[in-house]
């Protein structure tokens, strides 16, 4: 299970502060696309190029790099336009 906290307009678009992904591992780009598919909007305004993924409160990266995210840790999706 991967718990994903959503910030800014990603949270607004999906309508939830946190979602759980029932997988042991997921590619970072696939994770963002999965969250996009949960959006209530036709074009949610976030993608693999304008979203940061923060893992376990430390390492942040762009999902376009195709990194693997494993179950058990904490993940936060942060849109570039997030106000801090």
N, C-alpha and C. Protein backbone atom coordinates (compact mmCIF):
# COMPACT_ATOMS: atom_id res chain seq x y z
N UNK A 1 0.85 -1.18 0.00
CA UNK A 1 0.00 0.00 0.00
C UNK A 1 0.90 1.24 0.00
N UNK A 2 0.56 2.20 -0.85
CA UNK A 2 1.29 3.46 -0.92
C UNK A 2 0.32 4.58 -0.59
N UNK A 3 0.62 5.32 0.48
CA UNK A 3 -0.21 6.47 0.86
C UNK A 3 0.35 7.72 0.21
N UNK A 4 -0.55 8.46 -0.46
CA UNK A 4 -0.13 9.64 -1.20
C UNK A 4 -0.91 10.85 -0.70
N UNK A 5 -0.22 11.83 -0.18
CA UNK A 5 -0.84 13.09 0.27
C UNK A 5 -0.82 14.06 -0.90
N UNK A 6 -1.92 14.75 -1.11
CA UNK A 6 -2.08 15.67 -2.24
C UNK A 6 -2.14 17.10 -1.73
N UNK A 7 -1.40 18.00 -2.37
CA UNK A 7 -1.38 19.41 -1.98
C UNK A 7 -1.90 20.30 -3.09
N UNK A 8 -2.28 21.51 -2.71
CA UNK A 8 -2.66 22.55 -3.67
C UNK A 8 -3.79 22.15 -4.59
N UNK A 9 -3.64 22.54 -5.86
CA UNK A 9 -4.72 22.26 -6.81
C UNK A 9 -4.83 20.78 -7.16
N UNK A 10 -3.84 19.97 -6.82
CA UNK A 10 -3.98 18.52 -7.01
C UNK A 10 -5.05 18.01 -6.06
N UNK A 11 -4.99 18.45 -4.80
CA UNK A 11 -6.00 18.06 -3.81
C UNK A 11 -7.38 18.54 -4.24
N UNK A 12 -7.47 19.79 -4.69
CA UNK A 12 -8.76 20.33 -5.14
C UNK A 12 -9.31 19.55 -6.33
N UNK A 13 -8.44 19.21 -7.25
CA UNK A 13 -8.85 18.51 -8.46
C UNK A 13 -9.38 17.10 -8.15
N UNK A 14 -8.72 16.41 -7.23
CA UNK A 14 -9.12 15.05 -6.89
C UNK A 14 -10.23 15.05 -5.84
N UNK A 15 -10.27 16.09 -5.00
CA UNK A 15 -11.30 16.17 -3.97
C UNK A 15 -10.96 15.42 -2.70
N UNK A 16 -9.68 15.08 -2.54
CA UNK A 16 -9.23 14.35 -1.35
C UNK A 16 -7.86 14.87 -0.95
N UNK A 17 -7.57 14.79 0.36
CA UNK A 17 -6.26 15.18 0.84
C UNK A 17 -5.26 14.03 0.75
N UNK A 18 -5.78 12.81 0.79
CA UNK A 18 -4.90 11.64 0.74
C UNK A 18 -5.60 10.50 0.01
N UNK A 19 -4.82 9.75 -0.75
CA UNK A 19 -5.34 8.56 -1.42
C UNK A 19 -4.39 7.40 -1.12
N UNK A 20 -4.90 6.20 -1.21
CA UNK A 20 -4.09 5.00 -1.02
C UNK A 20 -4.07 4.21 -2.31
N UNK A 21 -2.87 3.81 -2.71
CA UNK A 21 -2.68 3.03 -3.92
C UNK A 21 -2.33 1.61 -3.47
N UNK A 22 -3.12 0.65 -3.89
CA UNK A 22 -2.95 -0.73 -3.45
C UNK A 22 -1.92 -1.45 -4.34
N UNK A 23 -0.66 -1.05 -4.17
CA UNK A 23 0.45 -1.67 -4.90
C UNK A 23 1.68 -1.72 -3.99
N UNK A 24 2.58 -2.62 -4.32
CA UNK A 24 3.84 -2.70 -3.59
C UNK A 24 4.87 -1.74 -4.16
N UNK A 25 4.71 -1.41 -5.45
CA UNK A 25 5.65 -0.53 -6.13
C UNK A 25 4.94 0.09 -7.33
N UNK A 26 5.31 1.34 -7.65
CA UNK A 26 4.75 2.00 -8.82
C UNK A 26 5.79 2.97 -9.38
N UNK A 27 5.81 3.10 -10.68
CA UNK A 27 6.66 4.07 -11.36
C UNK A 27 6.12 5.46 -11.06
N UNK A 28 7.00 6.44 -10.84
CA UNK A 28 6.57 7.78 -10.46
C UNK A 28 5.66 8.43 -11.51
N UNK A 29 5.97 8.27 -12.78
CA UNK A 29 5.13 8.85 -13.83
C UNK A 29 3.76 8.17 -13.85
N UNK A 30 3.74 6.86 -13.64
CA UNK A 30 2.48 6.12 -13.59
C UNK A 30 1.63 6.58 -12.40
N UNK A 31 2.29 6.88 -11.27
CA UNK A 31 1.56 7.36 -10.09
C UNK A 31 0.84 8.67 -10.40
N UNK A 32 1.54 9.61 -11.03
CA UNK A 32 0.91 10.89 -11.34
C UNK A 32 -0.23 10.70 -12.33
N UNK A 33 -0.05 9.86 -13.32
CA UNK A 33 -1.13 9.60 -14.28
C UNK A 33 -2.32 8.93 -13.60
N UNK A 34 -2.07 8.06 -12.64
CA UNK A 34 -3.15 7.43 -11.89
C UNK A 34 -3.92 8.48 -11.08
N UNK A 35 -3.21 9.38 -10.44
CA UNK A 35 -3.87 10.45 -9.67
C UNK A 35 -4.63 11.38 -10.62
N UNK A 36 -4.06 11.68 -11.78
CA UNK A 36 -4.78 12.50 -12.78
C UNK A 36 -6.10 11.84 -13.18
N UNK A 37 -6.10 10.52 -13.29
CA UNK A 37 -7.32 9.81 -13.68
C UNK A 37 -8.40 9.89 -12.60
N UNK A 38 -8.01 10.22 -11.36
CA UNK A 38 -8.96 10.37 -10.26
C UNK A 38 -9.58 11.77 -10.22
N UNK A 39 -9.05 12.67 -11.04
CA UNK A 39 -9.50 14.06 -11.03
C UNK A 39 -10.95 14.20 -11.48
N UNK A 40 -11.62 15.18 -10.91
CA UNK A 40 -12.99 15.50 -11.31
C UNK A 40 -12.99 16.39 -12.56
N UNK A 41 -11.82 16.91 -12.92
CA UNK A 41 -11.69 17.82 -14.05
C UNK A 41 -11.22 17.07 -15.29
N UNK A 42 -11.64 17.55 -16.46
CA UNK A 42 -11.23 16.94 -17.71
C UNK A 42 -9.73 17.13 -17.94
N UNK A 43 -9.23 18.32 -17.66
CA UNK A 43 -7.80 18.62 -17.77
C UNK A 43 -7.35 19.17 -16.42
N UNK A 44 -6.84 18.31 -15.54
CA UNK A 44 -6.57 18.72 -14.16
C UNK A 44 -5.43 19.72 -13.97
N UNK A 45 -4.61 19.99 -14.95
CA UNK A 45 -3.59 21.04 -14.83
C UNK A 45 -2.30 20.60 -14.15
N UNK A 46 -2.16 19.36 -13.79
CA UNK A 46 -0.88 18.87 -13.27
C UNK A 46 -0.50 17.63 -14.06
N UNK A 47 0.80 17.43 -14.20
CA UNK A 47 1.29 16.29 -14.98
C UNK A 47 2.69 15.91 -14.50
N UNK A 48 3.34 15.04 -15.23
CA UNK A 48 4.64 14.54 -14.79
C UNK A 48 5.75 15.59 -14.90
N UNK A 49 5.49 16.71 -15.56
CA UNK A 49 6.51 17.74 -15.75
C UNK A 49 6.35 18.94 -14.81
N UNK A 50 5.21 19.09 -14.16
CA UNK A 50 5.00 20.25 -13.28
C UNK A 50 4.56 19.85 -11.87
N UNK A 51 4.97 18.66 -11.47
CA UNK A 51 4.63 18.13 -10.15
C UNK A 51 5.90 17.57 -9.51
N UNK A 52 6.10 17.89 -8.26
CA UNK A 52 7.20 17.28 -7.50
C UNK A 52 6.65 16.14 -6.66
N UNK A 53 7.45 15.10 -6.51
CA UNK A 53 7.13 14.01 -5.60
C UNK A 53 8.14 14.07 -4.47
N UNK A 54 7.63 14.14 -3.25
CA UNK A 54 8.46 14.14 -2.05
C UNK A 54 8.28 12.78 -1.37
N UNK A 55 9.37 12.08 -1.13
CA UNK A 55 9.31 10.75 -0.55
C UNK A 55 9.92 10.77 0.85
N UNK A 56 9.16 10.29 1.80
CA UNK A 56 9.61 10.18 3.20
C UNK A 56 10.18 11.48 3.76
N UNK A 57 9.58 12.60 3.37
CA UNK A 57 9.98 13.89 3.92
C UNK A 57 11.37 14.35 3.52
N UNK A 58 11.98 13.72 2.55
CA UNK A 58 13.35 14.07 2.20
C UNK A 58 13.56 14.32 0.72
N UNK A 59 13.71 13.28 -0.03
CA UNK A 59 14.06 13.39 -1.43
C UNK A 59 12.86 13.84 -2.27
N UNK A 60 13.10 14.86 -3.11
CA UNK A 60 12.06 15.35 -4.02
C UNK A 60 12.57 15.20 -5.45
N UNK A 61 11.67 14.83 -6.35
CA UNK A 61 12.06 14.66 -7.74
C UNK A 61 10.87 14.83 -8.66
N UNK A 62 11.15 15.03 -9.94
CA UNK A 62 10.10 15.08 -10.96
C UNK A 62 9.72 13.66 -11.36
N UNK A 63 8.45 13.38 -11.48
CA UNK A 63 8.03 12.03 -11.84
C UNK A 63 8.40 11.64 -13.26
N UNK A 64 8.71 12.61 -14.11
CA UNK A 64 9.07 12.30 -15.50
C UNK A 64 10.31 11.42 -15.58
N UNK A 65 11.10 11.38 -14.52
CA UNK A 65 12.31 10.57 -14.51
C UNK A 65 12.08 9.08 -14.41
N UNK A 66 10.86 8.68 -14.10
CA UNK A 66 10.53 7.26 -14.06
C UNK A 66 11.09 6.52 -12.86
N UNK A 67 11.16 7.15 -11.72
CA UNK A 67 11.67 6.51 -10.50
C UNK A 67 10.62 5.56 -9.93
N UNK A 68 11.06 4.56 -9.21
CA UNK A 68 10.17 3.60 -8.57
C UNK A 68 9.85 4.07 -7.15
N UNK A 69 8.59 3.95 -6.77
CA UNK A 69 8.13 4.28 -5.42
C UNK A 69 7.62 2.99 -4.81
N UNK A 70 8.12 2.69 -3.62
CA UNK A 70 7.76 1.43 -2.96
C UNK A 70 6.76 1.68 -1.83
N UNK A 71 6.00 0.66 -1.53
CA UNK A 71 4.99 0.73 -0.46
C UNK A 71 5.66 0.94 0.89
N UNK A 72 4.88 1.50 1.81
CA UNK A 72 5.34 1.66 3.19
C UNK A 72 5.82 3.05 3.54
N UNK A 73 6.27 3.82 2.60
CA UNK A 73 6.74 5.16 2.88
C UNK A 73 5.64 6.19 2.71
N UNK A 74 6.00 7.43 2.98
CA UNK A 74 5.03 8.51 2.77
C UNK A 74 5.42 9.28 1.52
N UNK A 75 4.41 9.59 0.71
CA UNK A 75 4.61 10.28 -0.56
C UNK A 75 3.72 11.52 -0.56
N UNK A 76 4.27 12.63 -1.03
CA UNK A 76 3.50 13.87 -1.17
C UNK A 76 3.63 14.35 -2.60
N UNK A 77 2.50 14.67 -3.24
CA UNK A 77 2.53 15.28 -4.57
C UNK A 77 2.35 16.79 -4.41
N UNK A 78 3.30 17.55 -4.94
CA UNK A 78 3.31 19.00 -4.78
C UNK A 78 3.32 19.65 -6.17
N UNK A 79 2.29 20.43 -6.51
CA UNK A 79 2.31 21.12 -7.78
C UNK A 79 3.30 22.28 -7.73
N UNK A 80 3.93 22.61 -8.84
CA UNK A 80 4.87 23.72 -8.88
C UNK A 80 4.22 25.03 -8.44
N UNK A 81 2.96 25.18 -8.70
CA UNK A 81 2.26 26.43 -8.37
C UNK A 81 1.83 26.50 -6.92
N UNK A 82 2.21 25.52 -6.10
CA UNK A 82 1.83 25.48 -4.69
C UNK A 82 2.50 26.63 -3.96
N UNK A 83 1.77 27.32 -3.11
CA UNK A 83 2.25 28.52 -2.45
C UNK A 83 3.11 28.33 -1.23
N UNK A 84 3.69 27.19 -0.99
CA UNK A 84 4.64 27.01 0.09
C UNK A 84 4.02 26.52 1.30
